[in-house]
C-alpha atoms as a PDB file:
ATOM      1  CA  MET A   1     -43.421-150.762 186.536  1.00  0.00           C
ATOM      2  CA  ARG A   2     -44.119-149.036 190.199  1.00  0.00           C
ATOM      3  CA  PHE A   3     -41.427-151.194 191.253  1.00  0.00           C
ATOM      4  CA  PHE A   4     -39.059-149.401 188.259  1.00  0.00           C
ATOM      5  CA  SER A   5     -40.042-145.824 189.011  1.00  0.00           C
ATOM      6  CA  THR A   6     -39.781-145.815 193.029  1.00  0.00           C
ATOM      7  CA  VAL A   7     -36.143-147.345 191.944  1.00  0.00           C
ATOM      8  CA  ALA A   8     -35.436-144.695 189.966  1.00  0.00           C
ATOM      9  CA  LEU A   9     -36.802-141.983 192.461  1.00  0.00           C
ATOM     10  CA  ILE A  10     -34.307-143.349 195.620  1.00  0.00           C
ATOM     11  CA  ILE A  11     -31.513-143.431 193.295  1.00  0.00           C
ATOM     12  CA  SER A  12     -32.760-139.525 192.803  1.00  0.00           C
ATOM     13  CA  LEU A  13     -34.049-138.829 195.952  1.00  0.00           C
ATOM     14  CA  VAL A  14     -30.245-140.552 197.802  1.00  0.00           C
ATOM     15  CA  SER A  15     -28.224-138.708 194.560  1.00  0.00           C
ATOM     16  CA  LEU A  16     -29.602-135.969 195.764  1.00  0.00           C
ATOM     17  CA  GLY A  17     -28.686-136.479 199.387  1.00  0.00           C
ATOM     18  CA  LEU A  18     -25.258-137.087 198.223  1.00  0.00           C
ATOM     19  CA  ALA A  19     -24.376-134.487 196.278  1.00  0.00           C
ATOM     20  CA  PHE A  20     -26.158-131.754 199.127  1.00  0.00           C
ATOM     21  CA  ASN A  21     -24.052-133.457 201.492  1.00  0.00           C
ATOM     22  CA  GLY A  22     -20.995-133.271 199.038  1.00  0.00           C
ATOM     23  CA  MET A  23     -21.419-129.992 198.168  1.00  0.00           C
ATOM     24  CA  LYS A  24     -21.720-129.069 202.203  1.00  0.00           C
ATOM     25  CA  ARG A  25     -18.510-130.430 202.761  1.00  0.00           C
ATOM     26  CA  LEU A  26     -17.048-128.446 199.935  1.00  0.00           C
ATOM     27  CA  ASN A  27     -18.152-125.155 201.641  1.00  0.00           C
ATOM     28  CA  ASP A  28     -17.068-126.533 204.871  1.00  0.00           C
ATOM     29  CA  VAL A  29     -13.508-127.043 203.141  1.00  0.00           C
ATOM     30  CA  LYS A  30     -13.240-123.493 201.980  1.00  0.00           C
ATOM     31  CA  LYS A  31     -14.362-122.699 205.292  1.00  0.00           C
ATOM     32  CA  GLY A  32     -11.834-124.344 206.368  1.00  0.00           C
ATOM     33  CA  PHE A  33      -8.765-123.182 204.159  1.00  0.00           C
ATOM     34  CA  GLN A  34     -10.167-119.061 204.696  1.00  0.00           C
ATOM     35  CA  ARG A  35     -10.018-119.385 207.946  1.00  0.00           C
ATOM     36  CA  THR A  36      -6.492-121.062 207.813  1.00  0.00           C
ATOM     37  CA  ARG A  37      -4.881-118.097 205.485  1.00  0.00           C
ATOM     38  CA  SER A  38      -6.585-115.574 207.825  1.00  0.00           C
ATOM     39  CA  GLU A  39      -4.743-117.008 210.587  1.00  0.00           C
ATOM     40  CA  LEU A  40      -1.619-117.083 208.636  1.00  0.00           C
ATOM     41  CA  SER A  41      -1.865-113.981 207.930  1.00  0.00           C
ATOM     42  CA  GLU A  42      -2.906-113.141 211.765  1.00  0.00           C
ATOM     43  CA  VAL A  43       0.963-114.800 212.797  1.00  0.00           C
ATOM     44  CA  ARG A  44       2.810-113.357 209.637  1.00  0.00           C
ATOM     45  CA  ASP A  45       1.573-110.009 210.445  1.00  0.00           C
ATOM     46  CA  GLU A  46       2.208-110.786 214.577  1.00  0.00           C
ATOM     47  CA  PHE A  47       5.930-111.764 213.274  1.00  0.00           C
ATOM     48  CA  ALA A  48       6.445-108.537 211.070  1.00  0.00           C
ATOM     49  CA  ALA A  49       5.584-107.114 214.651  1.00  0.00           C
ATOM     50  CA  HIS A  50       8.010-108.905 216.555  1.00  0.00           C
ATOM     51  CA  GLN A  51      10.993-108.510 214.162  1.00  0.00           C
ATOM     52  CA  GLN A  52      10.027-104.853 214.591  1.00  0.00           C
ATOM     53  CA  SER A  53      10.904-104.704 218.375  1.00  0.00           C
ATOM     54  CA  GLN A  54      13.483-106.460 217.701  1.00  0.00           C
ATOM     55  CA  TRP A  55      15.925-103.830 216.706  1.00  0.00           C
ATOM     56  CA  PRO A  56      18.242-101.812 217.002  1.00  0.00           C
ATOM     57  CA  LYS A  57      20.623-104.153 218.895  1.00  0.00           C
ATOM     58  CA  PHE A  58      23.507-103.024 220.544  1.00  0.00           C
ATOM     59  CA  TYR A  59      26.981-104.853 221.982  1.00  0.00           C
ATOM     60  CA  GLU A  60      29.853-104.119 223.287  1.00  0.00           C
ATOM     61  CA  VAL A  61      32.261-105.558 221.525  1.00  0.00           C
ATOM     62  CA  ASN A  62      36.780-105.553 221.514  1.00  0.00           C
ATOM     63  CA  GLY A  63      39.025-106.005 219.015  1.00  0.00           C
ATOM     64  CA  LYS A  64      42.200-105.595 217.292  1.00  0.00           C
ATOM     65  CA  LEU A  65      42.271-102.410 214.800  1.00  0.00           C
ATOM     66  CA  LEU A  66      43.938-104.026 211.435  1.00  0.00           C
ATOM     67  CA  PHE A  67      43.524-101.568 208.995  1.00  0.00           C
ATOM     68  CA  LYS A  68      41.834 -98.315 207.568  1.00  0.00           C
ATOM     69  CA  PRO A  69      40.900 -98.253 204.479  1.00  0.00           C
ATOM     70  CA  GLY A  70      39.477 -94.944 204.194  1.00  0.00           C
ATOM     71  CA  GLY A  71      36.856 -93.167 204.496  1.00  0.00           C
ATOM     72  CA  ASN A  72      34.309 -93.940 207.125  1.00  0.00           C
ATOM     73  CA  ARG A  73      35.371 -97.937 206.781  1.00  0.00           C
ATOM     74  CA  LEU A  74      38.037 -99.993 209.406  1.00  0.00           C
ATOM     75  CA  ILE A  75      39.333-103.315 209.445  1.00  0.00           C
ATOM     76  CA  ILE A  76      39.463-105.354 212.537  1.00  0.00           C
ATOM     77  CA  ASP A  77      40.171-108.330 213.999  1.00  0.00           C
ATOM     78  CA  HIS A  78      36.851-108.841 216.340  1.00  0.00           C
ATOM     79  CA  GLU A  79      36.630-110.972 219.909  1.00  0.00           C
ATOM     80  CA  GLU A  80      33.575-113.338 219.885  1.00  0.00           C
ATOM     81  CA  ILE A  81      30.235-112.006 219.486  1.00  0.00           C
ATOM     82  CA  PRO A  82      27.981-114.147 222.041  1.00  0.00           C
ATOM     83  CA  ASN A  83      25.253-115.599 220.492  1.00  0.00           C
ATOM     84  CA  VAL A  84      25.921-113.211 217.213  1.00  0.00           C
ATOM     85  CA  MET A  85      28.823-114.248 215.328  1.00  0.00           C
ATOM     86  CA  PRO A  86      31.942-115.917 216.249  1.00  0.00           C
ATOM     87  CA  ALA A  87      35.732-113.796 216.144  1.00  0.00           C
ATOM     88  CA  MET A  88      36.640-112.844 213.382  1.00  0.00           C
ATOM     89  CA  ILE A  89      38.139-110.264 210.975  1.00  0.00           C
ATOM     90  CA  MET A  90      35.352-107.705 209.244  1.00  0.00           C
ATOM     91  CA  SER A  91      35.132-104.283 207.347  1.00  0.00           C
ATOM     92  CA  TYR A  92      32.743-101.830 209.771  1.00  0.00           C
ATOM     93  CA  GLU A  93      31.231 -98.429 208.920  1.00  0.00           C
ATOM     94  CA  VAL A  94      31.809 -96.351 211.516  1.00  0.00           C
ATOM     95  CA  GLU A  95      28.627 -93.925 211.532  1.00  0.00           C
ATOM     96  CA  ASP A  96      30.505 -90.402 213.301  1.00  0.00           C
ATOM     97  CA  PRO A  97      34.023 -90.786 210.712  1.00  0.00           C
ATOM     98  CA  LYS A  98      35.814 -88.434 213.376  1.00  0.00           C
ATOM     99  CA  GLN A  99      35.592 -91.025 216.193  1.00  0.00           C
ATOM    100  CA  ILE A 100      38.418 -93.238 213.553  1.00  0.00           C
ATOM    101  CA  GLU A 101      41.043 -89.843 213.428  1.00  0.00           C
ATOM    102  CA  ARG A 102      42.876 -90.653 216.606  1.00  0.00           C
ATOM    103  CA  LEU A 103      43.175 -94.472 215.507  1.00  0.00           C
ATOM    104  CA  GLU A 104      46.091 -96.414 214.424  1.00  0.00           C
ATOM    105  CA  PRO A 105      46.267 -99.800 212.846  1.00  0.00           C
ATOM    106  CA  GLY A 106      47.879-102.089 215.300  1.00  0.00           C
ATOM    107  CA  ASP A 107      45.411-100.381 218.053  1.00  0.00           C
ATOM    108  CA  ARG A 108      43.076-102.427 220.872  1.00  0.00           C
ATOM    109  CA  VAL A 109      39.470-100.858 220.315  1.00  0.00           C
ATOM    110  CA  HIS A 110      35.845-101.100 221.790  1.00  0.00           C
ATOM    111  CA  PHE A 111      33.539 -99.979 220.332  1.00  0.00           C
ATOM    112  CA  ARG A 112      29.912-100.072 220.807  1.00  0.00           C
ATOM    113  CA  LEU A 113      28.284-102.125 217.777  1.00  0.00           C
ATOM    114  CA  LYS A 114      24.326-100.770 216.200  1.00  0.00           C
ATOM    115  CA  GLU A 115      22.427-104.172 214.577  1.00  0.00           C
ATOM    116  CA  THR A 116      19.378-102.955 212.179  1.00  0.00           C
ATOM    117  CA  ALA A 117      17.620-105.119 210.568  1.00  0.00           C
ATOM    118  CA  ASP A 118      19.442-104.848 207.256  1.00  0.00           C
ATOM    119  CA  LYS A 119      23.265-103.749 208.409  1.00  0.00           C
ATOM    120  CA  LEU A 120      25.953-103.549 211.219  1.00  0.00           C
ATOM    121  CA  PHE A 121      27.532 -99.978 211.970  1.00  0.00           C
ATOM    122  CA  ILE A 122      29.989 -98.862 214.918  1.00  0.00           C
ATOM    123  CA  VAL A 123      28.802 -95.674 216.830  1.00  0.00           C
ATOM    124  CA  ASN A 124      30.875 -95.382 219.237  1.00  0.00           C
ATOM    125  CA  ILE A 125      34.971 -96.476 218.824  1.00  0.00           C
ATOM    126  CA  GLU A 126      37.636 -95.866 221.164  1.00  0.00           C
ATOM    127  CA  LYS A 127      40.971 -97.463 222.375  1.00  0.00           C
ATOM    128  CA  ALA A 128      40.592-100.089 224.652  1.00  0.00           C
ATOM    129  CA  LYS A 129      42.649 -99.328 227.881  1.00  0.00           C
END
């Protein structure tokens, strides 16, 4: 009987040791997840700050005025804007509508395009020389 009691005691101690070790490993895993979550949060914040520091961007662009639909919008067939977009026909908002009063469809134009986090618009436009 004493043998079985000793075996039972050993099994109990081993089980307690395994359980304790398992709990310790579980706590280590939880700490790892918390650290990873914190690191991801820091990376997200750094990325957001970097994105904000990128705006606004400005581009010098050449093109041809195709149409003045009214208001402060123009439709322009513009050349490629390197590393931004290929040559294409686009509708753009002009920041100051007075700038487009002297422009006519067919005019070659040079304009400064402003890019913000959520839109593109023309800040300066004139007939190309």
